[in-house]
Structure formats: structure tokens, C-alpha cells
Amino acid sequence: MSYLSDLEISRRATLLPINAAAEKIGLSENQIERYGNFKAKISFESLESSANKPDAKLILVTAISPTPAGEGKTTTSIGLADALNRIGKRSIVCLREPSMGPCFGMKGGATGGGYAQVVPMEEINLHFTGDFHAISSAHNLLAAMLDNNLHFGNSIGMDERRIVWNRVVDLNDRALRKVVIGLGGALNSIPRESSYDITVASEVMAIFCLSNSLSELKSRLGKIIIGYKKDGSPVVAADLKADGSMTALLRDALKPNIVQTLEGNPAIIHGGPFANIAHGCNSVLATKFALKNSDYVVTEAGFGADLGAEKFFDIKCRQAGLKPDAVVIVATVRALKYHGGVDVKDLHIPNIKALESGFVNLSKHVDNMRLYGLPVVVAINAFPTDTPEETQVLIDKAASIGIQAVRAEHWARGGEGAEEVANVVVESIEKKDGLSFKLLYSDETPLLEKVEIICRKIYGADGISIDKNIRKKFDQFSDLGFSNLPVCIAKTQYSFSTDPTLRGCPKGFTVPIRDAKISSGAGFVVVLTGDLMTMPGLSRSPAAEKIDVDKNGQIIGLF
């Protein structure tokens, strides 16, 4: 059987003019700023005028540990939002913007799939409204101003050996992981080693997504630590007087973007930090606006629940004062068989034993979400190769740990295929059973203890391993007044451990703490584990090789 590609499906859809989609959540023509016929930004005035409305219910969509088989978290988020609208609940889906790095690399885009997509798909995946370009420019402007200050005498007193601010680009490029800048003579600044990260790993991206207003954005940007003086005191962006110009570059980007699903329902897509090296959630501004203009808001957090969901709760919700109402964990029969030891090429073959073995991954994620005091529903994202027997085994296994698992066919049938999931989620929110949202640790918990709590409770580790030099860094962070910040642990997304080859729910491991740094503007401490890269590389045969433009000017080969 042949299927239409995601791009073909999106192009066959009849889209509403963006003002018509915006009207569904009460936005008039003068409250949006159009970017063509099908994209717009929501004005600051609209954000402010919504502030006193009651909040909707907030649903987080997360997933089991990612596999090559795919889980479909974004697709499920879109399908669930469409389904909620179909059963009479005003719903908005809030998503992150796609990074062009994965689009041209291996992972692909981030606009859903099948008949659960946000559109216009190709425009959202490539450039969109230019937000990521603005973030890259603001980040690199700060880097340029730093090197300019060094060139003209270092008036800020920077220790040139302790510079921590690099540059970024929104592409995968392994050749930029380590670079030497300032070569070519005295007119080209000070020669020194540096590096590039992908834009979604930038602290500017994290700040962008955690700011409630332009004034807060400027304040946070000014707090970015770019390096240290010889006495160990930090040098920040405000010392260079860079915060104002950075804010100017980000002014229009900070306005949330509104588009629509294939079913014409509003979708707000804004910001895009990765969840293995940042906090992995869309912007606070977008989420808060959606909460004031709907009955149910569906949002997602990147990768598995051990990364995206933990950071969504312990960083985003902590800082923004959000109180989610339910969690949907996306699982597939295929992916759980992979966690049960099956090779990717054999996932289409029925294998109940492997499915039962791989269920431990889902079970651990369920246990983790229960730590936050929230009702949990499992959405089984259906694939054509699933057998009825395998699906029933998964439903029964979930029931054995007190969780309702529901098969969803949104990829093939759109919102109609997720109505049962929507009904179960609404019921779980209405029942609550005395549950109340809580964070994993308090602000006052010491930094290293926060790291240990996450590693032990969320990852299932026996503990952490850390040398005296890294331990000393944590002591210095506390001495500088950062002990109350949450921690953002950067690790592989493919395993609860730091070894990406360990599937299922590994035991008997420790988490090696490789380094740590303060993201003082974003308001968290980044803890680096294992061999994680903040600048991905392209694969041997990247998706970029298949993307082209036909004779009519239409993009082809994009998923």
C-alpha cells in the first residue's frame, strides 16, 4: 500500500486565511501581524489584554525514550488538540519551532505527520517567520561585541583564558565544533580558540522562551555570563552594554506565531530549545496566551519524559508559575519492541515477548510522571504493522500498573482518530483523584543534591560520579549566589543512562558529571554528562541531499 507523503498531504489541504483561524480564539485582524496568507504573529497588545482571563487546562504530551522507530509526539499533540476541538472543547496546540539542523540532517521536521499536521508545513520547517535568525544574530552580536572589546584594550577586564561565550548557527556542522578565530593580523582582533553551538542550544534561545515580556527579556539578556575576570568574578552582557541591541534584534521575534492544523484549528508555534541540551519547551509567552484563550492547551516537551518533561516541570513550570493538569505519554508497539531488544529491520514482525520486555521503559516513564502528582494517560500511536494482539497486550500491561492506554489513529484519520484519547484525558483531568502538581525538588535544595535527585529518581541511577574540579565548580556557583537555580541536565535522549546503547530501563549505572556552567540569564545551571555534543553533525546521507526546488518553484523532498 502506498501512502501520501506529509508534504503531499499538507499541500492538498484547504487552508483558512490566517485571520480566519485567529478569529477562532478571538483575535481580530488588527491583533495579528500577518506574514503572508497563512502565518501571523500575535501582537503584544493582544498578549496583555488576555492577562486577566481564567486559565485553561494544561496538558503535557511527552513520550518514552526515543528510538529509530519513531514515537510521534508532535503528531500526537496535534491530533489530540484537533480531537479535543471535535468533542466540543476549545483547544490550542502549543509547539516549538523546528530547527533547520535536524531538517537537513536525520530527524526531519517538527510539524507532525500524516493527517495530524500544522501548516504550511514547508514554511514552518524552513525559516518560518525568521525567529531563529533573530536569535542567532543576537547571540553572535554579543560574541562580536566581546571580541571588539578585547581588540580595543579589554576595558571590561576579561581574563582571555576564561571566555565562555561562543557563536551559533542553526545548522548541523561538525567542522565548527572547535575553531580558532582572530587570525590574520592585528586588525582582526585577538587570536583565540572558540567554538560554535547549534542555535537551539544558545542561552539566548532559552532566555527567549522563558521571558514574559520585552523588559524581562532585556533583563535576562543582560545577566548572560560571557566570561570571568582574573579574580573569578563573572563578566556579563550588560557590562558590554549589549543587552539593549540584542533586545532590539529580538523584539519582533518575541511575538508568538500563529498558524493552523490541517483541520483549521489554531496552533501557536514559538521558540525551540532542544531538550537534551536545554529545557526543550515552547515559549512561556505562547503557553500563557493559549491558556487565556481556550479551554484546553496541549503542549509538548522534547524527547522522552526523562528529559523534556522533567525540564518542563522543574524549569519552565517553576519559573513561569504554570500548573499542568495531565500528562499524555506517547508510546508505540514498534518502539517498545525495540526497547525489548528487537533490531530496527525486524520491528514489523509480531513479537509479544519483546513488547513485554520493552514495556519496562514505558513503566519507568509512568512512574516518573507520577512523582509530579499528575494523572497519566498513555496514547498508543498506531502503526499499520501493529497487530491487534500486540496492542491488547500493551493495553493490558498498562492496566496492570493502573494506567489507561488508548490506541490512537490520528496519523491516518486526523482528530477523529484521537477522540478516544481526548475523552480519556478530559475524564482524567475532571476526576483528578486528589492529585496535585508538585515539583521534584525545592529551590533551596543544594545544587549537587538537585543533580543527584534527578539522576536517582528520574533516570534510576545508583548515583553520580564527579571529580574534585567539577565539584569545586558547584561550590563556586553557590558562592556566586546561584545555589537556588534549577539544574538542566544535558545527556543522551536515547537511554535513561548516559550510554545511548542501553535500551529499556537499565540498572546499576552511575551518571558521570563531565562539566557544568551557569546560564544565569536563563536561570538554570547546565550540567553536562557523557559525550554529548552541543553542535550536531550531518549524517553520511543527510536529508539535505534529497531536498530541492522543482521547475514551478515548489520545494520537493521535504519529508
Protein backbone atom coordinates (compact mmCIF):
# COMPACT_ATOMS: atom_id res chain seq x y z
CA MET A 1 0.00 0.00 0.00
CA SER A 2 1.35 3.44 -0.91
CA TYR A 3 0.83 6.48 1.28
CA LEU A 4 0.94 10.17 0.52
CA SER A 5 3.96 11.95 1.96
CA ASP A 6 3.45 14.52 4.70
CA LEU A 7 4.26 17.26 2.20
CA GLU A 8 1.70 15.93 -0.29
CA ILE A 9 -0.98 15.76 2.41
CA SER A 10 -0.26 19.30 3.57
CA ARG A 11 -0.40 20.67 0.01
CA ARG A 12 -3.77 19.04 -0.65
CA ALA A 13 -5.31 20.70 2.39
CA THR A 14 -7.57 23.73 2.05
CA LEU A 15 -6.14 26.27 4.47
CA LEU A 16 -8.10 29.03 6.12
CA PRO A 17 -6.75 32.56 5.75
CA ILE A 18 -4.75 33.13 8.92
CA ASN A 19 -7.14 35.82 10.15
CA ALA A 20 -10.00 33.29 10.00
CA ALA A 21 -8.01 30.76 12.05
CA ALA A 22 -7.09 33.51 14.54
CA GLU A 23 -10.75 34.54 14.88
CA LYS A 24 -11.46 31.11 16.41
CA ILE A 25 -9.63 32.23 19.55
CA GLY A 26 -10.99 35.78 19.50
CA LEU A 27 -8.17 37.54 17.67
CA SER A 28 -9.31 40.26 15.29
CA GLU A 29 -7.46 41.35 12.15
CA ASN A 30 -5.75 44.24 13.97
CA GLN A 31 -4.50 41.96 16.76
CA ILE A 32 -2.26 39.90 14.48
CA GLU A 33 0.63 40.82 12.21
CA ARG A 34 0.39 38.76 9.04
CA TYR A 35 3.37 37.05 7.42
CA GLY A 36 1.67 36.18 4.16
CA ASN A 37 -1.70 34.39 3.92
CA PHE A 38 -1.20 31.58 6.42
CA LYS A 39 1.20 32.78 9.14
CA ALA A 40 0.99 35.63 11.62
CA LYS A 41 2.41 36.95 14.84
CA ILE A 42 0.26 37.82 17.85
CA SER A 43 0.69 41.44 18.92
CA PHE A 44 1.99 42.39 22.34
CA GLU A 45 -1.26 44.26 22.93
CA SER A 46 -3.22 41.02 22.46
CA LEU A 47 -0.96 39.24 24.93
CA GLU A 48 -1.51 41.95 27.54
CA SER A 49 -5.29 42.15 27.03
CA SER A 50 -5.65 38.43 27.77
CA ALA A 51 -3.83 38.54 31.11
CA ASN A 52 -6.91 38.67 33.36
CA LYS A 53 -8.83 35.80 31.78
CA PRO A 54 -9.10 32.45 33.64
CA ASP A 55 -6.60 29.73 32.77
CA ALA A 56 -7.44 26.72 30.65
CA LYS A 57 -6.37 23.17 31.49
CA LEU A 58 -2.77 22.42 30.54
CA ILE A 59 -1.90 19.01 29.06
CA LEU A 60 1.71 17.96 28.53
CA VAL A 61 2.46 15.43 25.80
CA THR A 62 5.69 13.52 26.34
CA ALA A 63 7.00 10.11 25.31
CA ILE A 64 9.00 7.00 26.02
CA SER A 65 12.75 7.11 25.30
CA PRO A 66 13.24 7.90 21.58
CA THR A 67 14.06 5.12 19.15
CA PRO A 68 14.83 4.88 15.42
CA ALA A 69 11.27 3.56 15.04
CA GLY A 70 9.80 6.93 15.95
CA GLU A 71 7.18 7.76 18.55
CA GLY A 72 5.18 10.62 17.00
CA LYS A 73 4.99 13.03 19.93
CA THR A 74 4.35 16.15 17.84
CA THR A 75 1.88 14.27 15.65
CA THR A 76 0.04 13.11 18.77
CA SER A 77 -0.02 16.63 20.24
CA ILE A 78 -1.63 17.98 17.08
CA GLY A 79 -4.04 15.05 16.78
CA LEU A 80 -5.08 15.41 20.43
CA ALA A 81 -5.72 19.15 20.05
CA ASP A 82 -7.83 18.51 16.93
CA ALA A 83 -9.69 15.75 18.76
CA LEU A 84 -10.45 17.99 21.74
CA ASN A 85 -11.95 20.54 19.36
CA ARG A 86 -14.03 17.78 17.74
CA ILE A 87 -15.55 16.78 21.09
CA GLY A 88 -16.52 20.38 21.86
CA LYS A 89 -13.53 21.59 23.89
CA ARG A 90 -11.86 24.76 22.63
CA SER A 91 -8.25 23.68 22.29
CA ILE A 92 -4.96 25.20 21.15
CA VAL A 93 -1.77 23.26 20.50
CA CYS A 94 1.48 24.98 21.50
CA LEU A 95 4.64 23.64 19.86
CA ARG A 96 8.28 24.52 19.38
CA GLU A 97 9.60 25.85 16.08
CA PRO A 98 11.68 23.38 14.05
CA SER A 99 15.44 23.81 13.89
CA MET A 100 16.89 23.63 10.40
CA GLY A 101 19.71 21.45 11.73
CA PRO A 102 17.51 18.34 12.06
CA CYS A 103 15.51 19.31 8.96
CA PHE A 104 18.63 18.95 6.80
CA GLY A 105 20.08 16.17 8.95
CA MET A 106 18.48 12.91 10.09
CA LYS A 107 15.48 13.70 12.29
CA GLY A 108 13.38 15.66 9.83
CA GLY A 109 10.95 18.46 10.60
CA ALA A 110 8.70 19.14 13.54
CA THR A 111 5.25 19.83 12.11
CA GLY A 112 3.62 16.45 12.78
CA GLY A 113 2.77 13.88 10.16
CA GLY A 114 0.03 12.22 8.18
CA TYR A 115 -3.31 13.88 8.85
CA ALA A 116 -2.16 15.46 12.12
CA GLN A 117 -0.01 18.34 10.93
CA VAL A 118 0.43 22.06 11.36
CA VAL A 119 0.61 24.01 8.12
CA PRO A 120 2.06 25.49 5.95
CA MET A 121 4.50 22.67 6.60
CA GLU A 122 7.45 23.66 4.43
CA GLU A 123 7.38 27.30 5.53
CA ILE A 124 7.29 26.35 9.23
CA ASN A 125 10.21 23.93 8.79
CA LEU A 126 12.34 26.32 6.72
CA HIS A 127 12.85 29.85 8.12
CA PHE A 128 9.22 30.30 9.32
CA THR A 129 8.94 33.95 10.50
CA GLY A 130 12.68 34.39 10.99
CA ASP A 131 12.74 33.92 14.78
CA PHE A 132 15.75 31.62 14.78
CA HIS A 133 17.70 34.02 12.57
CA ALA A 134 16.99 36.77 15.08
CA ILE A 135 18.16 34.57 17.95
CA SER A 136 21.34 33.61 16.07
CA SER A 137 22.02 37.25 15.28
CA ALA A 138 21.50 38.40 18.87
CA HIS A 139 23.80 35.65 20.17
CA ASN A 140 26.51 36.42 17.60
CA LEU A 141 26.21 40.17 18.15
CA LEU A 142 27.21 39.60 21.77
CA ALA A 143 30.18 37.49 20.61
CA ALA A 144 31.22 40.23 18.16
CA MET A 145 30.97 42.92 20.84
CA LEU A 146 33.08 40.80 23.17
CA ASP A 147 35.87 40.35 20.62
CA ASN A 148 35.61 44.02 19.71
CA ASN A 149 36.17 44.99 23.33
CA LEU A 150 39.22 42.73 23.53
CA HIS A 151 40.57 44.31 20.34
CA PHE A 152 40.25 47.82 21.76
CA GLY A 153 42.00 47.17 25.04
CA ASN A 154 39.72 44.91 27.13
CA SER A 155 38.05 47.63 29.19
CA ILE A 156 35.80 45.02 30.85
CA GLY A 157 38.80 43.29 32.42
CA MET A 158 38.11 39.88 30.87
CA ASP A 159 40.53 37.05 31.54
CA GLU A 160 41.08 35.96 27.93
CA ARG A 161 41.62 32.37 29.10
CA ARG A 162 38.18 32.23 30.74
CA ILE A 163 35.84 33.33 27.95
CA VAL A 164 32.73 31.10 27.85
CA TRP A 165 30.66 32.77 25.11
CA ASN A 166 30.98 31.30 21.63
CA ARG A 167 28.97 31.64 18.41
CA VAL A 168 25.97 29.76 16.96
CA VAL A 169 24.40 28.74 13.66
CA ASP A 170 21.09 26.96 13.00
CA LEU A 171 22.64 24.08 11.07
CA ASN A 172 24.50 20.86 11.85
CA ASP A 173 28.18 21.45 11.16
CA ARG A 174 30.77 19.31 12.95
CA ALA A 175 33.66 21.35 11.46
CA LEU A 176 32.64 24.25 13.69
CA ARG A 177 32.82 22.39 16.98
CA LYS A 178 36.31 23.75 17.61
CA VAL A 179 37.64 26.79 15.75
CA VAL A 180 40.39 29.39 16.02
CA ILE A 181 39.27 32.98 15.49
CA GLY A 182 41.08 36.29 15.16
CA LEU A 183 43.75 35.08 12.72
CA GLY A 184 45.20 37.32 10.03
CA GLY A 185 46.98 40.08 11.90
CA ALA A 186 46.47 42.89 14.39
CA LEU A 187 43.35 44.28 12.69
CA ASN A 188 41.41 41.04 13.19
CA SER A 189 41.12 41.05 16.99
CA ILE A 190 42.80 38.64 19.40
CA PRO A 191 43.57 35.11 18.14
CA ARG A 192 41.99 32.52 20.42
CA GLU A 193 40.25 29.16 20.43
CA SER A 194 36.47 29.18 20.29
CA SER A 195 33.57 27.05 19.10
CA TYR A 196 30.08 27.01 17.64
CA ASP A 197 26.88 25.53 19.04
CA ILE A 198 23.64 24.95 17.17
CA THR A 199 21.25 27.88 17.71
CA VAL A 200 18.76 25.83 19.70
CA ALA A 201 21.49 25.27 22.32
CA SER A 202 22.07 29.00 22.78
CA GLU A 203 21.29 30.57 26.13
CA VAL A 204 19.61 33.33 24.14
CA MET A 205 17.11 30.72 22.91
CA ALA A 206 16.46 29.58 26.48
CA ILE A 207 16.02 33.18 27.65
CA PHE A 208 13.72 33.92 24.70
CA CYS A 209 11.46 31.03 25.69
CA LEU A 210 11.37 31.83 29.42
CA SER A 211 10.72 35.59 29.21
CA ASN A 212 7.28 37.04 29.94
CA SER A 213 7.88 40.45 28.32
CA LEU A 214 10.37 42.59 26.43
CA SER A 215 11.58 44.17 29.66
CA GLU A 216 12.18 40.76 31.23
CA LEU A 217 13.93 39.64 28.05
CA LYS A 218 16.34 42.58 28.25
CA SER A 219 16.99 41.98 31.95
CA ARG A 220 17.75 38.30 31.38
CA LEU A 221 19.99 39.03 28.37
CA GLY A 222 21.99 41.45 30.46
CA LYS A 223 22.70 38.70 33.01
CA ILE A 224 24.35 36.33 30.50
CA ILE A 225 27.80 35.37 31.74
CA ILE A 226 30.29 35.71 28.89
CA GLY A 227 33.43 35.00 30.89
CA TYR A 228 35.30 35.72 34.09
CA LYS A 229 37.88 38.18 35.37
CA LYS A 230 41.15 37.02 36.88
CA ASP A 231 39.66 37.29 40.36
CA GLY A 232 36.90 34.83 39.36
CA SER A 233 34.07 37.37 39.22
CA PRO A 234 31.73 36.99 36.23
CA VAL A 235 31.55 39.37 33.27
CA VAL A 236 28.02 39.73 31.89
CA ALA A 237 26.46 41.02 28.69
CA ALA A 238 25.30 44.22 30.41
CA ASP A 239 28.98 45.05 31.10
CA LEU A 240 29.38 45.33 27.33
CA LYS A 241 26.12 47.31 27.03
CA ALA A 242 24.94 44.63 24.63
CA ASP A 243 21.56 43.86 26.21
CA GLY A 244 19.72 46.76 24.52
CA SER A 245 20.81 45.97 20.98
CA MET A 246 20.21 42.25 21.50
CA THR A 247 16.67 43.04 22.65
CA ALA A 248 16.14 45.21 19.57
CA LEU A 249 17.05 42.25 17.34
CA LEU A 250 14.59 40.04 19.23
CA ARG A 251 11.69 42.48 19.57
CA ASP A 252 9.51 41.20 16.76
CA ALA A 253 10.63 37.59 17.20
CA LEU A 254 9.29 37.59 20.78
CA LYS A 255 5.72 37.86 19.49
CA PRO A 256 4.27 34.30 19.30
CA ASN A 257 3.47 32.82 15.89
CA ILE A 258 0.02 31.54 15.00
CA VAL A 259 -0.70 29.03 12.23
CA GLN A 260 -3.28 26.23 11.93
CA THR A 261 -3.69 22.48 11.89
CA LEU A 262 -4.92 20.59 8.83
CA GLU A 263 -8.38 20.82 10.41
CA GLY A 264 -8.22 24.62 10.63
CA ASN A 265 -7.68 24.80 14.39
CA PRO A 266 -5.28 27.44 15.74
CA ALA A 267 -1.74 26.39 16.61
CA ILE A 268 0.84 28.57 18.32
CA ILE A 269 4.44 27.74 17.45
CA HIS A 270 7.18 29.71 19.16
CA GLY A 271 10.75 29.10 20.30
CA GLY A 272 12.66 25.86 20.08
CA PRO A 273 15.29 24.85 22.66
CA PHE A 274 16.46 21.22 22.49
CA ALA A 275 15.59 19.04 25.47
CA ASN A 276 18.86 17.16 25.79
CA ILE A 277 20.99 20.33 26.00
CA ALA A 278 18.36 22.88 27.09
CA HIS A 279 14.84 22.84 28.56
CA GLY A 280 13.00 21.67 25.43
CA CYS A 281 9.73 23.63 25.60
CA ASN A 282 7.98 26.30 23.57
CA SER A 283 7.87 29.87 24.89
CA VAL A 284 6.20 30.89 28.14
CA LEU A 285 4.51 33.77 26.29
CA ALA A 286 2.88 31.37 23.82
CA THR A 287 1.74 28.95 26.53
CA LYS A 288 0.30 31.68 28.74
CA PHE A 289 -1.55 33.29 25.84
CA ALA A 290 -3.05 29.94 24.85
CA LEU A 291 -4.11 29.27 28.46
CA LYS A 292 -6.06 32.52 28.47
CA ASN A 293 -7.84 31.90 25.16
CA SER A 294 -9.02 28.27 25.22
CA ASP A 295 -10.42 25.50 27.40
CA TYR A 296 -7.55 23.06 26.91
CA VAL A 297 -3.95 23.70 25.90
CA VAL A 298 -1.89 20.83 24.51
CA THR A 299 1.86 21.32 24.60
CA GLU A 300 4.86 19.04 24.25
CA ALA A 301 8.34 18.72 25.67
CA GLY A 302 11.22 17.32 23.65
CA PHE A 303 12.50 13.74 23.59
CA GLY A 304 11.48 11.31 26.34
CA ALA A 305 9.86 12.21 29.64
CA ASP A 306 13.18 11.85 31.48
CA LEU A 307 14.49 14.88 29.58
CA GLY A 308 11.73 17.09 28.18
CA ALA A 309 9.03 16.50 30.77
CA GLU A 310 11.40 16.81 33.74
CA LYS A 311 12.72 20.13 32.41
CA PHE A 312 9.21 21.32 31.50
CA PHE A 313 8.14 20.81 35.11
CA ASP A 314 11.26 21.69 37.06
CA ILE A 315 12.43 24.61 34.92
CA LYS A 316 9.59 26.07 32.83
CA CYS A 317 6.70 25.48 35.23
CA ARG A 318 8.84 26.52 38.21
CA GLN A 319 9.87 29.81 36.59
CA ALA A 320 6.56 30.64 34.91
CA GLY A 321 4.25 29.54 37.74
CA LEU A 322 2.45 27.04 35.49
CA LYS A 323 0.43 24.17 36.95
CA PRO A 324 -0.21 21.41 34.40
CA ASP A 325 -3.29 19.23 34.75
CA ALA A 326 -2.38 15.97 33.00
CA VAL A 327 0.37 14.10 31.17
CA VAL A 328 0.00 12.06 27.98
CA ILE A 329 2.85 9.64 27.33
CA VAL A 330 3.17 8.60 23.69
CA ALA A 331 4.26 5.02 23.05
CA THR A 332 4.26 2.74 20.05
CA VAL A 333 4.25 -1.03 19.75
CA ARG A 334 7.25 -0.76 17.43
CA ALA A 335 9.33 1.38 19.78
CA LEU A 336 8.63 -0.81 22.79
CA LYS A 337 9.71 -3.87 20.81
CA TYR A 338 12.94 -2.00 20.07
CA HIS A 339 13.40 -1.39 23.79
CA GLY A 340 12.80 -5.10 24.20
CA GLY A 341 15.87 -5.85 22.06
CA VAL A 342 14.46 -6.18 18.52
CA ASP A 343 16.54 -4.89 15.62
CA VAL A 344 15.04 -1.99 13.66
CA LYS A 345 14.67 -4.06 10.48
CA ASP A 346 12.54 -6.63 12.35
CA LEU A 347 10.11 -4.30 14.11
CA HIS A 348 7.34 -5.11 11.63
CA ILE A 349 7.35 -8.75 12.78
CA PRO A 350 4.88 -9.56 15.60
CA ASN A 351 6.82 -10.16 18.82
CA ILE A 352 4.80 -10.10 22.02
CA LYS A 353 7.72 -11.31 24.15
CA ALA A 354 9.88 -8.34 23.08
CA LEU A 355 6.95 -5.97 23.59
CA GLU A 356 6.50 -7.24 27.16
CA SER A 357 10.23 -6.92 27.76
CA GLY A 358 10.37 -3.35 26.39
CA PHE A 359 7.37 -2.28 28.46
CA VAL A 360 9.78 -1.50 31.34
CA ASN A 361 10.74 1.70 29.51
CA LEU A 362 7.15 2.94 29.44
CA SER A 363 6.56 1.81 33.01
CA LYS A 364 9.54 3.82 34.27
CA HIS A 365 8.33 6.95 32.47
CA VAL A 366 4.87 6.48 34.00
CA ASP A 367 6.41 6.18 37.48
CA ASN A 368 8.41 9.34 36.86
CA MET A 369 5.35 11.36 35.84
CA ARG A 370 3.51 10.18 38.93
CA LEU A 371 6.25 11.83 41.03
CA TYR A 372 4.82 15.17 39.90
CA GLY A 373 1.32 14.40 41.18
CA LEU A 374 -0.40 14.36 37.80
CA PRO A 375 -2.86 11.97 36.13
CA VAL A 376 -1.19 9.99 33.34
CA VAL A 377 -2.70 8.62 30.12
CA VAL A 378 -0.82 6.54 27.54
CA ALA A 379 -1.54 7.24 23.87
CA ILE A 380 -0.61 4.28 21.68
CA ASN A 381 0.34 5.89 18.39
CA ALA A 382 -0.88 3.28 15.91
CA PHE A 383 1.24 1.97 13.03
CA PRO A 384 -0.07 -0.23 10.16
CA THR A 385 2.23 -3.08 11.25
CA ASP A 386 0.74 -3.30 14.76
CA THR A 387 -1.29 -6.45 15.37
CA PRO A 388 -4.49 -6.43 17.47
CA GLU A 389 -2.83 -8.91 19.83
CA GLU A 390 0.20 -6.68 20.40
CA THR A 391 -1.98 -3.63 21.01
CA GLN A 392 -4.12 -5.52 23.51
CA VAL A 393 -1.03 -6.75 25.36
CA LEU A 394 0.14 -3.16 25.68
CA ILE A 395 -3.26 -2.03 26.93
CA ASP A 396 -3.34 -4.87 29.47
CA LYS A 397 0.22 -4.22 30.65
CA ALA A 398 -0.64 -0.55 31.21
CA ALA A 399 -3.78 -1.52 33.11
CA SER A 400 -1.64 -3.73 35.38
CA ILE A 401 0.18 -0.60 36.63
CA GLY A 402 -3.04 1.40 36.93
CA ILE A 403 -2.79 3.34 33.68
CA GLN A 404 -5.31 3.62 30.86
CA ALA A 405 -3.67 3.14 27.45
CA VAL A 406 -5.69 4.15 24.40
CA ARG A 407 -4.98 3.35 20.75
CA ALA A 408 -4.88 6.49 18.60
CA GLU A 409 -5.11 6.74 14.80
CA HIS A 410 -4.59 10.47 14.32
CA TRP A 411 -1.79 9.92 11.77
CA ALA A 412 -4.26 8.16 9.44
CA ARG A 413 -7.53 9.84 10.45
CA GLY A 414 -6.67 13.22 11.97
CA GLY A 415 -8.55 14.42 15.03
CA GLU A 416 -11.27 11.81 14.59
CA GLY A 417 -8.67 9.11 15.22
CA ALA A 418 -7.73 10.60 18.62
CA GLU A 419 -11.19 11.27 20.03
CA GLU A 420 -10.99 8.35 22.46
CA VAL A 421 -7.69 9.67 23.81
CA ALA A 422 -9.23 13.13 24.15
CA ASN A 423 -12.20 11.79 26.10
CA VAL A 424 -9.96 9.80 28.45
CA VAL A 425 -7.69 12.80 29.06
CA VAL A 426 -10.65 15.08 29.83
CA GLU A 427 -12.06 12.45 32.19
CA SER A 428 -8.71 12.07 33.97
CA ILE A 429 -8.49 15.84 34.50
CA GLU A 430 -12.04 16.06 35.81
CA LYS A 431 -11.53 13.16 38.22
CA LYS A 432 -8.05 14.12 39.47
CA ASP A 433 -8.49 11.71 42.44
CA GLY A 434 -6.89 14.14 44.87
CA LEU A 435 -3.77 14.60 42.76
CA SER A 436 -1.95 17.93 42.88
CA PHE A 437 1.03 19.10 40.85
CA LYS A 438 4.34 19.29 42.69
CA LEU A 439 7.96 19.86 41.74
CA LEU A 440 10.71 17.29 42.16
CA TYR A 441 12.89 19.43 44.43
CA SER A 442 12.78 22.81 46.18
CA ASP A 443 14.73 25.93 45.23
CA GLU A 444 16.65 25.65 48.48
CA THR A 445 17.99 22.15 47.76
CA PRO A 446 21.78 22.37 47.18
CA LEU A 447 22.82 22.24 43.51
CA LEU A 448 24.60 18.89 43.58
CA GLU A 449 21.75 17.37 45.56
CA LYS A 450 19.34 18.53 42.83
CA VAL A 451 21.50 16.72 40.28
CA GLU A 452 21.50 13.54 42.39
CA ILE A 453 17.73 13.67 42.89
CA ILE A 454 17.13 13.77 39.13
CA CYS A 455 19.71 11.07 38.42
CA ARG A 456 18.39 8.72 41.07
CA LYS A 457 14.63 9.33 40.83
CA ILE A 458 14.17 10.09 37.12
CA TYR A 459 16.99 8.14 35.46
CA GLY A 460 17.10 5.30 38.00
CA ALA A 461 20.87 5.69 38.53
CA ASP A 462 22.73 4.50 41.59
CA GLY A 463 24.24 7.96 41.89
CA ILE A 464 26.66 10.31 40.17
CA SER A 465 30.41 10.30 39.61
CA ILE A 466 32.17 13.64 39.78
CA ASP A 467 35.78 14.70 40.17
CA LYS A 468 37.01 17.31 42.62
CA ASN A 469 37.46 20.01 39.96
CA ILE A 470 33.83 19.81 38.81
CA ARG A 471 32.68 19.60 42.43
CA LYS A 472 34.65 22.80 43.06
CA LYS A 473 32.70 24.46 40.22
CA PHE A 474 29.45 23.76 42.02
CA ASP A 475 30.87 25.30 45.18
CA GLN A 476 31.86 28.39 43.17
CA PHE A 477 28.36 28.63 41.67
CA SER A 478 26.91 28.64 45.19
CA ASP A 479 29.43 31.26 46.33
CA LEU A 480 28.34 33.46 43.40
CA GLY A 481 24.71 33.27 44.57
CA PHE A 482 23.33 30.72 42.11
CA SER A 483 22.52 27.91 44.54
CA ASN A 484 18.74 28.43 44.24
CA LEU A 485 18.65 27.82 40.48
CA PRO A 486 17.18 24.63 39.00
CA VAL A 487 19.50 22.31 37.11
CA CYS A 488 19.29 21.42 33.43
CA ILE A 489 20.99 18.08 32.86
CA ALA A 490 22.31 17.53 29.34
CA LYS A 491 22.52 13.85 28.43
CA THR A 492 21.69 11.45 25.62
CA GLN A 493 18.00 11.16 24.80
CA TYR A 494 18.20 7.51 23.81
CA SER A 495 18.57 5.96 27.25
CA PHE A 496 17.82 6.66 30.89
CA SER A 497 21.57 6.23 31.32
CA THR A 498 24.31 8.24 29.61
CA ASP A 499 25.05 5.27 27.32
CA PRO A 500 22.76 5.58 24.26
CA THR A 501 23.02 1.84 23.54
CA LEU A 502 21.34 0.81 26.81
CA ARG A 503 17.67 0.31 25.95
CA GLY A 504 14.68 -0.42 28.15
CA CYS A 505 15.24 0.54 31.79
CA PRO A 506 18.91 -0.01 32.65
CA LYS A 507 20.03 -0.58 36.23
CA GLY A 508 23.30 -0.42 38.13
CA PHE A 509 24.78 2.64 36.44
CA THR A 510 26.09 5.99 37.62
CA VAL A 511 25.87 9.31 35.80
CA PRO A 512 29.28 10.87 35.08
CA ILE A 513 29.24 14.65 35.54
CA ARG A 514 31.61 15.97 32.87
CA ASP A 515 31.17 19.72 33.30
CA ALA A 516 28.77 22.42 34.44
CA LYS A 517 28.09 26.03 33.51
CA ILE A 518 25.79 28.80 34.67
CA SER A 519 23.08 30.07 32.35
CA SER A 520 22.35 32.98 34.63
CA GLY A 521 20.09 34.78 32.16
CA ALA A 522 18.01 31.67 31.55
CA GLY A 523 18.01 30.98 35.27
CA PHE A 524 19.42 27.47 35.46
CA VAL A 525 22.68 25.57 35.81
CA VAL A 526 23.56 23.34 32.85
CA VAL A 527 25.11 20.01 33.85
CA LEU A 528 26.90 18.14 31.04
CA THR A 529 27.13 14.35 31.15
CA GLY A 530 28.73 11.72 28.93
CA ASP A 531 29.95 12.70 25.47
CA LEU A 532 27.03 14.91 24.48
CA MET A 533 27.63 17.35 21.61
CA THR A 534 26.13 20.84 21.51
CA MET A 535 26.86 21.05 17.78
CA PRO A 536 25.46 18.03 15.89
CA GLY A 537 27.00 16.79 12.66
CA LEU A 538 25.30 15.74 9.44
CA SER A 539 24.88 12.03 8.73
CA ARG A 540 26.63 10.24 5.87
CA SER A 541 23.49 10.73 3.72
CA PRO A 542 21.72 13.78 5.19
CA ALA A 543 18.18 14.78 4.30
CA ALA A 544 19.66 17.86 2.62
CA GLU A 545 20.68 15.66 -0.33
CA LYS A 546 17.01 14.97 -1.14
CA ILE A 547 15.61 18.49 -0.76
CA ASP A 548 15.26 20.55 -3.94
CA VAL A 549 13.07 23.05 -5.78
CA ASP A 550 11.13 21.99 -8.91
CA LYS A 551 10.61 24.00 -12.10
CA ASN A 552 7.50 25.62 -10.59
CA GLY A 553 9.43 26.86 -7.58
CA GLN A 554 7.91 24.34 -5.17
CA ILE A 555 10.07 22.65 -2.56
CA ILE A 556 10.38 18.89 -3.03
CA GLY A 557 11.95 16.10 -0.99
CA LEU A 558 10.97 17.63 2.35
CA PHE A 559 9.65 14.60 4.26
